[in-house]
N, C-alpha and C. Protein backbone atom coordinates (compact mmCIF):
# COMPACT_ATOMS: atom_id res chain seq x y z
N MET A 1 0.43 -1.20 -0.03
CA MET A 1 -0.06 0.21 -0.25
C MET A 1 1.05 1.23 0.08
N SER A 2 0.40 2.17 -0.84
CA SER A 2 1.49 3.54 -0.90
C SER A 2 0.79 4.48 -0.21
N THR A 3 1.58 5.07 0.58
CA THR A 3 1.07 6.47 1.68
C THR A 3 -0.04 7.36 1.15
N SER A 4 0.23 7.21 -0.18
CA SER A 4 -1.17 8.12 -1.15
C SER A 4 -2.20 7.78 -0.55
N SER A 5 -2.50 6.39 -0.43
CA SER A 5 -3.99 5.69 -0.27
C SER A 5 -3.94 5.88 1.12
N ILE A 6 -3.41 6.57 2.34
CA ILE A 6 -3.99 6.54 3.32
C ILE A 6 -4.06 8.19 3.70
N PRO A 7 -5.07 8.39 4.69
CA PRO A 7 -5.60 9.84 4.95
C PRO A 7 -4.46 10.51 5.31
N ALA A 8 -4.53 11.85 4.50
CA ALA A 8 -3.23 13.18 4.94
C ALA A 8 -3.25 13.00 6.50
N PHE A 9 -4.34 13.11 7.25
CA PHE A 9 -3.80 13.28 8.62
C PHE A 9 -3.29 12.21 9.55
N ALA A 10 -3.15 11.19 8.49
CA ALA A 10 -2.59 9.71 9.37
C ALA A 10 -1.09 9.54 8.84
N THR A 11 -0.54 10.54 8.24
CA THR A 11 0.72 10.13 7.56
C THR A 11 1.91 10.79 8.47
N HIS A 12 1.63 11.55 9.78
CA HIS A 12 2.77 12.12 10.45
C HIS A 12 3.49 11.19 11.19
N ASN A 13 3.14 9.66 11.19
CA ASN A 13 4.36 9.09 11.74
C ASN A 13 4.11 7.30 11.31
N ALA A 14 5.21 6.96 11.62
CA ALA A 14 5.17 5.37 11.15
C ALA A 14 4.14 4.51 11.90
N TYR A 15 4.05 4.76 13.13
CA TYR A 15 3.02 4.12 14.19
C TYR A 15 1.43 4.27 13.42
N THR A 16 1.20 5.47 13.38
CA THR A 16 -0.33 5.97 12.87
C THR A 16 -0.27 5.21 11.52
N ILE A 17 0.76 5.35 10.55
CA ILE A 17 0.25 4.45 9.27
C ILE A 17 0.22 3.36 9.48
N ALA A 18 0.73 2.27 10.14
CA ALA A 18 0.51 1.28 10.67
C ALA A 18 -0.53 0.81 10.98
N ALA A 19 -0.96 1.68 11.98
CA ALA A 19 -2.75 1.39 12.52
C ALA A 19 -3.47 1.42 11.29
N VAL A 20 -3.31 2.54 10.43
CA VAL A 20 -4.44 2.89 9.24
C VAL A 20 -4.36 1.57 8.48
N LYS A 21 -3.08 1.08 7.98
CA LYS A 21 -3.05 -0.15 6.97
C LYS A 21 -3.68 -1.21 7.62
N SER A 22 -3.56 -1.26 8.93
CA SER A 22 -4.18 -2.68 9.58
C SER A 22 -5.38 -2.51 9.47
N MET A 23 -6.28 -1.75 9.08
CA MET A 23 -7.75 -1.65 8.95
C MET A 23 -8.22 -2.06 7.31
N ILE A 24 -7.17 -2.28 6.35
CA ILE A 24 -7.33 -2.38 5.09
C ILE A 24 -6.65 -3.85 4.78
N PRO A 25 -8.04 -4.81 4.38
CA PRO A 25 -7.31 -6.22 3.98
C PRO A 25 -5.92 -6.08 2.84
N THR A 26 -5.26 -7.23 3.38
CA THR A 26 -4.10 -7.28 2.44
C THR A 26 -3.86 -8.64 2.13
N TYR A 27 -2.95 -8.94 0.92
CA TYR A 27 -2.74 -10.22 0.58
C TYR A 27 -1.56 -10.43 1.08
N GLU A 28 -1.07 -11.89 1.85
CA GLU A 28 -0.04 -11.99 2.31
C GLU A 28 0.60 -13.20 1.53
N LYS A 29 1.77 -12.59 0.50
CA LYS A 29 2.11 -13.38 -0.32
C LYS A 29 2.93 -14.62 0.35
N ASP A 30 3.82 -14.32 1.40
CA ASP A 30 5.05 -15.33 2.26
C ASP A 30 4.02 -16.15 2.63
N LEU A 31 2.93 -15.90 2.97
CA LEU A 31 1.75 -16.92 3.56
C LEU A 31 0.94 -17.54 2.99
N ASP A 32 0.26 -17.21 1.64
CA ASP A 32 -0.75 -17.13 1.00
C ASP A 32 -2.06 -16.97 1.29
N LYS A 33 -1.88 -16.02 1.75
CA LYS A 33 -3.40 -16.04 3.11
C LYS A 33 -3.65 -14.48 3.15
N TRP A 34 -4.90 -14.38 3.25
CA TRP A 34 -5.37 -12.71 3.55
C TRP A 34 -5.52 -12.41 4.86
N ALA A 35 -4.87 -11.29 4.98
CA ALA A 35 -5.19 -10.64 6.42
C ALA A 35 -6.12 -9.70 6.32
N ALA A 36 -7.19 -9.55 7.47
CA ALA A 36 -8.06 -8.66 8.33
C ALA A 36 -7.81 -8.10 9.15
N PRO A 37 -8.25 -6.86 9.56
CA PRO A 37 -8.14 -6.48 11.24
C PRO A 37 -8.38 -7.52 12.06
N PHE A 38 -7.40 -7.36 13.33
CA PHE A 38 -8.08 -8.19 14.58
C PHE A 38 -8.75 -7.24 15.47
N VAL A 39 -9.50 -8.01 16.38
CA VAL A 39 -10.75 -7.21 16.80
C VAL A 39 -9.45 -6.99 18.23
N MET A 40 -8.55 -7.34 18.85
CA MET A 40 -7.69 -6.99 19.51
C MET A 40 -6.50 -5.92 19.18
N ALA A 41 -6.45 -6.04 18.07
CA ALA A 41 -4.92 -5.12 17.75
C ALA A 41 -4.99 -3.49 18.10
N PRO A 42 -5.73 -2.70 18.35
CA PRO A 42 -6.17 -1.31 18.78
C PRO A 42 -5.55 -1.07 20.30
N ILE A 43 -5.75 -2.77 21.08
CA ILE A 43 -5.20 -2.48 22.31
C ILE A 43 -3.71 -3.30 22.58
N ASN A 44 -3.82 -4.42 21.72
CA ASN A 44 -2.28 -4.83 22.04
C ASN A 44 -1.39 -4.07 21.13
N THR A 45 -1.36 -3.78 20.02
CA THR A 45 -0.56 -3.01 19.84
C THR A 45 0.56 -1.82 20.44
N LYS A 46 -0.61 -1.10 21.22
CA LYS A 46 -0.37 -0.18 22.22
C LYS A 46 0.41 -0.86 23.08
N ASN A 47 0.15 -1.76 23.77
CA ASN A 47 0.82 -2.30 24.80
C ASN A 47 2.28 -3.04 24.71
N VAL A 48 2.44 -3.50 23.29
CA VAL A 48 3.90 -3.99 22.99
C VAL A 48 4.36 -2.47 22.58
N HIS A 49 3.98 -1.66 22.09
CA HIS A 49 4.89 -0.53 21.74
C HIS A 49 5.26 0.58 23.09
N ARG A 50 4.42 -0.01 23.76
CA ARG A 50 4.86 0.65 25.39
C ARG A 50 5.69 -0.21 25.78
N THR A 51 5.92 -1.44 26.19
CA THR A 51 6.75 -1.86 26.67
C THR A 51 7.81 -1.57 26.10
N ASN A 52 8.15 -1.68 24.70
CA ASN A 52 9.76 -1.43 23.80
C ASN A 52 9.90 -0.09 24.47
N PHE A 53 9.09 0.81 24.51
CA PHE A 53 9.42 2.11 25.34
C PHE A 53 9.97 1.72 26.48
N LEU A 54 9.25 1.42 27.40
CA LEU A 54 9.48 1.26 28.86
C LEU A 54 10.80 0.58 29.15
N LEU A 55 11.10 -0.32 28.41
CA LEU A 55 12.35 -0.86 28.44
C LEU A 55 13.73 -0.52 27.58
N GLY A 56 13.32 0.93 27.32
CA GLY A 56 14.28 1.37 26.54
C GLY A 56 14.71 0.85 24.99
N HIS A 57 13.50 0.92 24.24
CA HIS A 57 13.80 0.47 22.98
C HIS A 57 14.66 -0.83 22.35
N PRO A 58 14.62 -1.93 23.39
CA PRO A 58 15.29 -3.40 22.69
C PRO A 58 14.86 -3.59 21.52
N TYR A 59 13.85 -3.14 20.96
CA TYR A 59 13.39 -3.49 19.67
C TYR A 59 13.73 -2.57 18.47
N GLY A 60 14.26 -1.31 18.79
CA GLY A 60 14.70 -0.36 17.92
C GLY A 60 13.54 0.80 18.25
N GLU A 61 13.87 1.94 18.00
CA GLU A 61 13.40 2.93 18.35
C GLU A 61 12.39 3.20 16.81
N ASP A 62 12.73 2.64 15.74
CA ASP A 62 12.07 2.43 14.36
C ASP A 62 11.24 1.29 14.24
N PHE A 63 10.93 0.25 15.65
CA PHE A 63 10.21 -1.12 15.44
C PHE A 63 8.87 -0.44 15.34
N GLN A 64 7.94 -1.76 14.62
CA GLN A 64 6.81 -1.37 14.26
C GLN A 64 6.19 -2.90 14.41
N TYR A 65 4.96 -2.48 14.95
CA TYR A 65 4.11 -3.87 15.12
C TYR A 65 2.84 -3.82 14.93
N ASP A 66 2.37 -4.54 14.13
CA ASP A 66 0.71 -4.72 13.96
C ASP A 66 0.30 -6.35 14.38
N GLU A 67 -1.00 -6.24 14.36
CA GLU A 67 -1.86 -7.47 14.32
C GLU A 67 -2.81 -7.66 13.44
N MET A 68 -2.92 -8.94 12.62
CA MET A 68 -3.85 -9.08 11.71
C MET A 68 -4.51 -10.34 11.90
N MET A 69 -5.45 -10.57 11.44
CA MET A 69 -6.24 -11.98 11.45
C MET A 69 -6.04 -12.48 9.81
N LEU A 70 -5.60 -13.79 9.85
CA LEU A 70 -5.41 -14.45 8.68
C LEU A 70 -6.67 -15.71 8.14
N THR A 71 -7.00 -15.11 7.09
CA THR A 71 -8.49 -15.61 6.49
C THR A 71 -7.67 -16.74 5.79
N SER A 72 -8.07 -17.21 4.46
CA SER A 72 -7.83 -18.28 3.71
C SER A 72 -7.46 -17.57 2.36
N PRO A 73 -6.53 -18.35 1.22
CA PRO A 73 -6.35 -17.63 -0.04
C PRO A 73 -7.44 -17.62 -0.81
N GLY A 74 -7.29 -16.82 -2.08
CA GLY A 74 -8.09 -16.81 -3.06
C GLY A 74 -9.17 -16.08 -2.82
N GLU A 75 -10.37 -16.04 -3.47
CA GLU A 75 -11.33 -14.73 -3.64
C GLU A 75 -12.15 -15.34 -2.10
N ALA A 76 -12.54 -16.57 -1.79
CA ALA A 76 -12.80 -16.81 -0.48
C ALA A 76 -12.30 -16.40 0.54
N GLY A 77 -11.14 -16.18 0.76
CA GLY A 77 -9.99 -15.45 1.86
C GLY A 77 -10.54 -14.01 1.77
N LYS A 78 -10.33 -13.30 0.33
CA LYS A 78 -10.56 -12.11 0.38
C LYS A 78 -12.12 -11.47 1.12
N LYS A 79 -13.11 -12.08 0.79
CA LYS A 79 -14.16 -11.76 1.14
C LYS A 79 -14.75 -11.91 2.51
N MET A 80 -13.83 -13.24 3.25
CA MET A 80 -13.68 -13.08 4.79
C MET A 80 -13.07 -11.87 5.17
N ALA A 81 -11.99 -11.74 4.83
CA ALA A 81 -11.16 -10.16 5.11
C ALA A 81 -11.61 -9.34 5.13
N GLU A 82 -12.50 -8.90 4.10
CA GLU A 82 -13.37 -7.66 3.71
C GLU A 82 -14.54 -7.79 4.61
N ALA A 83 -15.01 -8.96 5.20
CA ALA A 83 -16.35 -8.82 6.13
C ALA A 83 -15.44 -8.55 7.43
N ALA A 84 -14.47 -9.02 7.81
CA ALA A 84 -14.04 -8.96 9.18
C ALA A 84 -13.89 -7.50 9.26
N THR A 85 -13.13 -6.96 8.17
CA THR A 85 -12.81 -5.57 8.14
C THR A 85 -14.37 -4.76 8.41
N GLU A 86 -15.38 -4.97 7.72
CA GLU A 86 -16.75 -4.16 8.25
C GLU A 86 -17.11 -4.70 9.47
N MET A 87 -16.95 -5.66 9.89
CA MET A 87 -17.03 -6.12 11.22
C MET A 87 -16.21 -5.22 12.46
N MET A 88 -15.47 -4.84 12.08
CA MET A 88 -14.28 -4.06 12.91
C MET A 88 -15.16 -2.50 13.33
N LYS A 89 -15.53 -2.44 12.30
CA LYS A 89 -16.50 -0.75 12.28
C LYS A 89 -17.25 -0.77 13.04
N ASN A 90 -18.27 -1.76 13.73
CA ASN A 90 -19.00 -1.83 14.79
C ASN A 90 -19.09 -3.17 15.09
N PRO A 91 -18.06 -3.55 16.06
CA PRO A 91 -17.65 -5.19 16.49
C PRO A 91 -18.85 -5.98 17.38
N PHE A 92 -20.04 -4.99 17.53
CA PHE A 92 -21.42 -5.62 18.49
C PHE A 92 -22.09 -5.69 17.61
N GLY A 93 -22.16 -4.92 16.39
CA GLY A 93 -23.46 -4.60 15.61
C GLY A 93 -24.47 -4.16 16.05
N ALA A 94 -25.89 -4.20 15.72
CA ALA A 94 -27.31 -3.09 16.70
C ALA A 94 -27.36 -3.66 17.81
N LYS A 95 -27.03 -4.48 18.15
CA LYS A 95 -27.41 -5.61 19.31
C LYS A 95 -26.08 -5.76 20.37
N PRO A 96 -25.62 -4.98 20.95
CA PRO A 96 -24.25 -5.92 21.37
C PRO A 96 -24.52 -6.86 22.62
N PRO A 97 -23.75 -7.80 22.65
CA PRO A 97 -24.13 -8.80 23.87
C PRO A 97 -24.92 -8.22 25.39
N LYS A 98 -25.20 -9.22 26.03
CA LYS A 98 -25.89 -8.71 27.31
C LYS A 98 -25.14 -9.48 28.30
N PRO A 99 -24.88 -9.30 29.42
CA PRO A 99 -24.32 -10.10 30.29
C PRO A 99 -24.88 -11.62 30.72
N GLY A 100 -23.82 -12.68 30.23
CA GLY A 100 -24.18 -13.51 30.29
C GLY A 100 -24.73 -14.33 28.96
N GLU A 101 -24.71 -13.76 27.98
CA GLU A 101 -24.71 -14.13 26.57
C GLU A 101 -23.19 -14.53 25.90
N GLY A 102 -22.48 -14.41 26.68
CA GLY A 102 -21.20 -14.99 25.96
C GLY A 102 -21.00 -16.42 25.92
N PRO A 103 -19.75 -17.10 25.43
CA PRO A 103 -19.68 -18.33 25.39
C PRO A 103 -20.43 -19.14 26.16
N SER A 104 -20.41 -20.59 26.08
CA SER A 104 -21.17 -21.41 27.15
C SER A 104 -19.64 -22.27 27.75
N LYS A 105 -19.94 -22.85 28.89
CA LYS A 105 -19.26 -23.29 29.36
C LYS A 105 -18.12 -24.23 28.80
N GLU A 106 -18.92 -25.32 27.93
CA GLU A 106 -18.69 -26.23 26.76
C GLU A 106 -17.38 -25.30 25.99
N GLU A 107 -17.92 -24.42 25.19
CA GLU A 107 -17.26 -23.55 24.50
C GLU A 107 -16.09 -22.95 25.06
N ARG A 108 -16.03 -22.24 26.48
CA ARG A 108 -15.25 -21.87 26.67
C ARG A 108 -14.05 -22.90 27.21
N GLU A 109 -14.31 -24.04 27.50
CA GLU A 109 -13.39 -25.15 27.78
C GLU A 109 -12.82 -25.88 26.64
N ASN A 110 -13.53 -25.52 25.63
CA ASN A 110 -12.99 -26.47 24.23
C ASN A 110 -12.40 -25.73 22.97
N GLY A 111 -12.44 -24.61 23.52
CA GLY A 111 -11.86 -23.08 22.57
C GLY A 111 -10.13 -23.50 22.63
N PHE A 112 -9.48 -23.00 21.76
CA PHE A 112 -8.11 -22.52 21.96
C PHE A 112 -7.93 -21.29 20.80
N TYR A 113 -6.54 -21.05 20.62
CA TYR A 113 -5.96 -20.28 19.73
C TYR A 113 -4.49 -20.64 19.30
N ASP A 114 -4.39 -20.19 18.10
CA ASP A 114 -3.13 -20.33 17.32
C ASP A 114 -2.46 -19.24 16.76
N VAL A 115 -1.62 -18.67 17.63
CA VAL A 115 -1.16 -17.39 17.17
C VAL A 115 0.20 -17.18 16.63
N LEU A 116 0.39 -16.70 15.18
CA LEU A 116 1.75 -16.81 14.48
C LEU A 116 2.58 -15.51 14.17
N PHE A 117 3.12 -14.82 15.09
CA PHE A 117 4.22 -13.81 14.88
C PHE A 117 5.11 -13.83 13.98
N VAL A 118 5.09 -12.84 12.92
CA VAL A 118 6.26 -12.89 11.78
C VAL A 118 7.01 -11.75 11.85
N ALA A 119 8.23 -11.96 12.26
CA ALA A 119 9.21 -10.75 12.56
C ALA A 119 10.03 -10.86 11.22
N ASP A 120 9.97 -9.74 10.72
CA ASP A 120 10.93 -9.10 9.61
C ASP A 120 12.22 -8.46 10.08
N GLY A 121 13.15 -8.90 10.28
CA GLY A 121 14.64 -7.98 10.30
C GLY A 121 14.80 -7.19 9.37
N PRO A 122 15.70 -6.18 9.66
CA PRO A 122 16.16 -5.17 8.76
C PRO A 122 16.75 -6.32 7.60
N ASP A 123 17.82 -7.04 7.90
CA ASP A 123 18.68 -7.58 7.10
C ASP A 123 17.67 -8.76 5.86
N GLY A 124 16.04 -8.80 6.00
CA GLY A 124 15.34 -9.37 5.16
C GLY A 124 15.33 -10.96 5.79
N GLU A 125 15.67 -11.13 7.07
CA GLU A 125 15.34 -12.35 7.31
C GLU A 125 14.59 -12.54 8.60
N SER A 126 13.52 -13.43 8.49
CA SER A 126 12.24 -13.57 8.81
C SER A 126 12.05 -14.64 10.12
N LEU A 127 11.65 -14.12 11.13
CA LEU A 127 11.17 -15.68 12.37
C LEU A 127 9.89 -15.72 12.82
N LEU A 128 9.36 -16.87 12.63
CA LEU A 128 8.44 -17.04 13.20
C LEU A 128 8.14 -17.55 14.34
N TYR A 129 6.99 -17.26 15.20
CA TYR A 129 6.98 -17.48 16.68
C TYR A 129 5.81 -17.89 16.96
N GLY A 130 5.32 -19.10 17.19
CA GLY A 130 4.05 -19.19 17.82
C GLY A 130 3.41 -19.06 19.12
N VAL A 131 2.45 -18.83 19.58
CA VAL A 131 1.87 -18.85 20.95
C VAL A 131 0.57 -19.53 20.49
N LYS A 132 0.22 -20.86 21.38
CA LYS A 132 -0.92 -21.38 21.42
C LYS A 132 -1.24 -21.65 22.73
N GLY A 133 -2.75 -21.37 22.83
CA GLY A 133 -3.29 -21.64 24.14
C GLY A 133 -4.77 -22.36 24.28
N LYS A 134 -4.33 -23.21 24.99
CA LYS A 134 -6.08 -24.02 25.36
C LYS A 134 -7.09 -23.01 25.98
N TYR A 135 -8.22 -23.38 25.87
CA TYR A 135 -9.27 -22.40 26.37
C TYR A 135 -9.69 -21.35 25.12
N ASP A 136 -11.15 -21.01 25.46
CA ASP A 136 -11.79 -19.80 24.67
C ASP A 136 -10.39 -18.87 25.14
N PRO A 137 -10.00 -18.15 24.27
CA PRO A 137 -8.93 -16.80 24.19
C PRO A 137 -9.65 -15.95 24.99
N GLY A 138 -11.17 -15.35 24.66
CA GLY A 138 -11.75 -14.23 25.11
C GLY A 138 -12.16 -14.30 26.83
N TYR A 139 -12.32 -15.78 27.02
CA TYR A 139 -13.23 -15.87 28.60
C TYR A 139 -11.93 -16.79 29.28
N GLY A 140 -11.68 -18.37 28.49
CA GLY A 140 -10.93 -18.69 29.50
C GLY A 140 -9.64 -18.84 29.62
N SER A 141 -8.91 -18.49 28.63
CA SER A 141 -7.65 -18.18 28.59
C SER A 141 -7.59 -16.59 29.33
N THR A 142 -8.05 -15.82 29.10
CA THR A 142 -7.86 -14.26 29.43
C THR A 142 -8.06 -14.31 31.23
N SER A 143 -8.96 -15.00 31.48
CA SER A 143 -8.84 -14.82 32.92
C SER A 143 -7.49 -15.59 33.74
N ARG A 144 -7.46 -16.53 32.83
CA ARG A 144 -5.93 -17.52 33.36
C ARG A 144 -4.65 -16.16 33.49
N MET A 145 -4.71 -15.64 32.30
CA MET A 145 -3.67 -14.84 31.73
C MET A 145 -3.34 -14.15 32.85
N ILE A 146 -4.98 -12.97 33.45
CA ILE A 146 -4.87 -12.41 34.45
C ILE A 146 -4.44 -12.54 35.81
N ALA A 147 -4.97 -13.92 36.41
CA ALA A 147 -4.56 -14.75 37.64
C ALA A 147 -3.24 -14.73 37.68
N GLU A 148 -2.70 -15.10 36.52
CA GLU A 148 -1.05 -15.84 36.59
C GLU A 148 -0.53 -14.70 36.59
N THR A 149 -0.90 -13.05 35.67
CA THR A 149 0.02 -11.94 35.93
C THR A 149 0.13 -11.54 37.14
N ALA A 150 -1.46 -11.46 37.88
CA ALA A 150 -1.25 -10.96 39.13
C ALA A 150 -0.10 -11.80 40.37
N ILE A 151 -0.32 -13.21 40.34
CA ILE A 151 0.29 -13.86 41.01
C ILE A 151 1.64 -13.48 40.79
N THR A 152 2.49 -13.19 39.58
CA THR A 152 3.77 -12.99 39.03
C THR A 152 4.19 -12.09 39.87
N LEU A 153 3.02 -10.83 39.61
CA LEU A 153 3.32 -9.77 40.06
C LEU A 153 3.61 -9.58 41.75
N LEU A 154 3.18 -10.27 42.55
CA LEU A 154 3.29 -10.20 43.99
C LEU A 154 4.36 -10.96 44.15
N SER A 155 5.11 -11.80 43.53
CA SER A 155 6.49 -11.97 43.71
C SER A 155 7.53 -11.43 42.95
N SER A 156 7.26 -10.04 42.28
CA SER A 156 8.20 -9.72 41.62
C SER A 156 8.98 -8.24 42.33
N ASP A 157 10.10 -8.02 41.66
CA ASP A 157 10.87 -6.90 42.80
C ASP A 157 10.79 -5.52 41.93
N ALA A 158 10.04 -5.51 40.63
CA ALA A 158 9.97 -4.53 39.65
C ALA A 158 9.54 -3.09 40.66
N GLU A 159 10.27 -1.92 40.39
CA GLU A 159 9.99 -0.84 41.29
C GLU A 159 8.58 -0.39 41.53
N GLY A 160 7.55 -0.99 40.24
CA GLY A 160 6.31 -0.32 40.41
C GLY A 160 6.21 0.87 39.27
N GLY A 161 4.77 1.28 39.65
CA GLY A 161 4.45 2.45 38.91
C GLY A 161 3.45 2.01 37.65
N VAL A 162 3.35 2.94 36.40
CA VAL A 162 2.32 2.65 35.50
C VAL A 162 3.63 1.70 33.95
N GLY A 163 3.00 0.40 34.32
CA GLY A 163 3.92 0.01 33.17
C GLY A 163 2.88 -1.03 32.66
N THR A 164 3.85 -1.95 31.93
CA THR A 164 2.80 -3.30 31.25
C THR A 164 3.64 -4.36 31.67
N PRO A 165 2.68 -5.41 31.68
CA PRO A 165 3.31 -6.58 31.88
C PRO A 165 4.37 -7.54 31.73
N GLY A 166 4.92 -7.19 30.38
CA GLY A 166 6.01 -7.31 29.93
C GLY A 166 7.08 -6.43 30.12
N SER A 167 6.95 -5.28 30.52
CA SER A 167 7.97 -4.33 31.04
C SER A 167 8.16 -5.12 32.43
N PHE A 168 7.18 -4.97 33.12
CA PHE A 168 7.41 -5.62 34.60
C PHE A 168 8.26 -6.75 35.11
N LEU A 169 7.44 -7.88 34.43
CA LEU A 169 7.35 -9.17 34.67
C LEU A 169 8.44 -10.32 33.39
N GLY A 170 8.12 -9.53 32.33
CA GLY A 170 9.33 -10.31 31.49
C GLY A 170 9.01 -11.90 31.32
N GLU A 171 10.07 -12.36 31.26
CA GLU A 171 10.04 -13.78 31.21
C GLU A 171 9.54 -14.70 32.43
N ALA A 172 9.81 -14.08 33.53
CA ALA A 172 8.73 -14.71 34.53
C ALA A 172 7.37 -14.71 34.39
N LEU A 173 6.96 -14.01 33.46
CA LEU A 173 5.48 -14.35 33.00
C LEU A 173 5.24 -14.91 32.44
N VAL A 174 5.99 -15.22 31.25
CA VAL A 174 6.14 -16.18 30.25
C VAL A 174 6.24 -17.28 30.85
N ASP A 175 7.12 -17.63 31.59
CA ASP A 175 7.65 -19.09 32.50
C ASP A 175 6.15 -19.50 33.05
N ARG A 176 5.51 -18.55 33.69
CA ARG A 176 4.22 -18.86 34.53
C ARG A 176 3.25 -19.35 33.88
N LEU A 177 2.89 -18.66 32.90
CA LEU A 177 1.84 -18.72 31.74
C LEU A 177 2.46 -20.31 31.24
N GLN A 178 3.25 -20.47 30.79
CA GLN A 178 3.67 -21.73 30.30
C GLN A 178 3.30 -23.03 31.64
N GLU A 179 3.79 -22.75 32.78
CA GLU A 179 3.88 -23.84 33.82
C GLU A 179 2.39 -23.57 34.29
N HIS A 180 1.59 -22.69 34.31
CA HIS A 180 0.33 -22.61 34.96
C HIS A 180 -0.98 -22.35 34.19
N ALA A 181 -0.88 -22.07 33.11
CA ALA A 181 -2.09 -21.45 32.44
C ALA A 181 -2.47 -21.84 30.88
N GLU A 182 -1.54 -22.87 30.50
CA GLU A 182 -1.53 -24.03 29.59
C GLU A 182 -1.66 -22.91 28.11
N ILE A 183 -0.15 -22.27 28.28
CA ILE A 183 -0.01 -21.34 27.00
C ILE A 183 1.22 -22.00 26.45
N SER A 184 1.61 -22.05 25.56
CA SER A 184 3.19 -22.17 24.87
C SER A 184 3.77 -21.14 23.81
N PHE A 185 4.64 -20.97 24.20
CA PHE A 185 5.36 -20.25 23.55
C PHE A 185 6.56 -20.72 22.63
N ALA A 186 6.90 -20.69 21.13
CA ALA A 186 7.82 -21.35 20.79
C ALA A 186 7.92 -20.78 19.32
N ALA A 187 9.45 -20.83 18.76
CA ALA A 187 9.69 -20.43 17.49
C ALA A 187 9.37 -21.80 16.80
N GLU A 188 8.88 -21.06 15.36
CA GLU A 188 8.39 -21.97 14.44
C GLU A 188 9.08 -22.26 13.05
N ASN A 189 9.31 -23.36 12.47
CA ASN A 189 9.73 -23.54 11.23
C ASN A 189 9.04 -22.68 10.11
């Protein structure tokens, strides 16, 4: 995508350009799939960028991070990506869910997620990293992440203040999530 297709108000920095681009379906040649906006990206991307800042830019001051949801290849994938983009404009539709209308206990317990992170380095080398979790990501796994983060924070010697889980807890949190929340983190081929 060229910056000429991005609104003029959004071209003042790379972070804003990435945010606008993330709302437009794109075809990912390397993965042979269409990518669409991911519902949690507006929150997650800010957390990742804030962590990079708080840790003194270990990923670099020009670090870019975005999240997209992959669909399938071809026209079917493109249509799914376009539908996901439309859904992001009003994620709850005309009737937002009421308390108690979420997934059933069975759906929460049988849910799972498999996230692929693709890191492209300045030398052109790519790293694929997977995060996989048992349980529904919106309810079953998130509650475990929150609880395990709180437990990890109790044993932390971080100075405190306004931070992110990654900036305060780092690898200790990753270890705890793997040991107690049924989440795995691993490089992929």
